[in-house]
Amino acid sequence: MLAPLLLLQALLVDRVTGEDRERGDVPGWVLITLMTAGIVAIIWGFAEDRLLQIVTDALESVTPA
């Protein structure tokens, strides 16, 4: 009866304190996200009028079914 409880405790301790390879590189993903947002902001600043025209034309070309 005590062995399964000890095994469960060992598994839980390992899960909490062990390295989880599935977590990934959080600071790296934050940096990628911020850099992408910066690039989009720069492109938007230069090409706002043209991008709005492209989106407007695309939405106007859609016909209801």
Protein backbone atom coordinates (compact mmCIF):
# COMPACT_ATOMS: atom_id res chain seq x y z
CA MET A 1 0.00 0.00 0.00
CA LEU A 2 2.85 2.38 0.77
CA ALA A 3 4.81 1.65 -2.44
CA PRO A 4 2.24 3.16 -4.87
CA LEU A 5 2.02 6.32 -2.73
CA LEU A 6 5.80 6.69 -2.70
CA LEU A 7 5.92 6.16 -6.45
CA LEU A 8 3.23 8.79 -6.97
CA GLN A 9 5.06 11.21 -4.70
CA ALA A 10 8.33 10.62 -6.58
CA LEU A 11 6.60 11.24 -9.92
CA LEU A 12 5.00 14.45 -8.68
CA VAL A 13 8.26 15.75 -7.23
CA ASP A 14 10.06 14.97 -10.49
CA ARG A 15 7.32 16.71 -12.48
CA VAL A 16 7.49 19.86 -10.35
CA THR A 17 11.27 20.11 -10.00
CA GLY A 18 12.49 18.39 -13.16
CA GLU A 19 13.27 20.05 -16.45
CA ASP A 20 10.37 20.03 -18.85
CA ARG A 21 11.63 19.91 -22.41
CA GLU A 22 8.15 20.72 -23.72
CA ARG A 23 8.15 24.24 -22.21
CA GLY A 24 10.46 25.61 -24.86
CA ASP A 25 12.44 28.80 -24.79
CA VAL A 26 10.02 31.41 -23.44
CA PRO A 27 12.40 34.42 -23.58
CA GLY A 28 13.26 33.50 -27.16
CA TRP A 29 9.60 33.42 -28.18
CA VAL A 30 8.99 36.75 -26.44
CA LEU A 31 11.89 38.27 -28.37
CA ILE A 32 10.61 36.86 -31.68
CA THR A 33 7.13 38.22 -30.97
CA LEU A 34 8.43 41.71 -30.11
CA MET A 35 10.69 41.79 -33.17
CA THR A 36 7.82 40.72 -35.43
CA ALA A 37 5.57 43.42 -33.98
CA GLY A 38 8.33 45.98 -34.56
CA ILE A 39 8.80 44.92 -38.18
CA VAL A 40 5.05 45.10 -38.79
CA ALA A 41 4.90 48.58 -37.23
CA ILE A 42 7.76 49.80 -39.44
CA ILE A 43 6.24 48.35 -42.62
CA TRP A 44 2.82 49.74 -41.68
CA GLY A 45 4.35 53.20 -41.20
CA PHE A 46 5.77 53.22 -44.73
CA ALA A 47 2.96 51.50 -46.60
CA GLU A 48 -0.24 52.26 -44.65
CA ASP A 49 -2.13 53.84 -47.56
CA ARG A 50 -1.26 51.06 -50.01
CA LEU A 51 -2.02 48.28 -47.50
CA LEU A 52 -5.43 49.80 -46.71
CA GLN A 53 -6.19 50.02 -50.42
CA ILE A 54 -5.21 46.36 -50.96
CA VAL A 55 -7.43 45.19 -48.09
CA THR A 56 -10.33 47.38 -49.22
CA ASP A 57 -10.09 46.12 -52.79
CA ALA A 58 -9.94 42.52 -51.62
CA LEU A 59 -12.99 42.90 -49.38
CA GLU A 60 -14.97 44.68 -52.08
CA SER A 61 -14.20 41.95 -54.60
CA VAL A 62 -15.87 39.29 -52.44
CA THR A 63 -19.42 38.61 -53.56
CA PRO A 64 -22.03 37.13 -51.22
CA ALA A 65 -23.04 33.57 -51.94
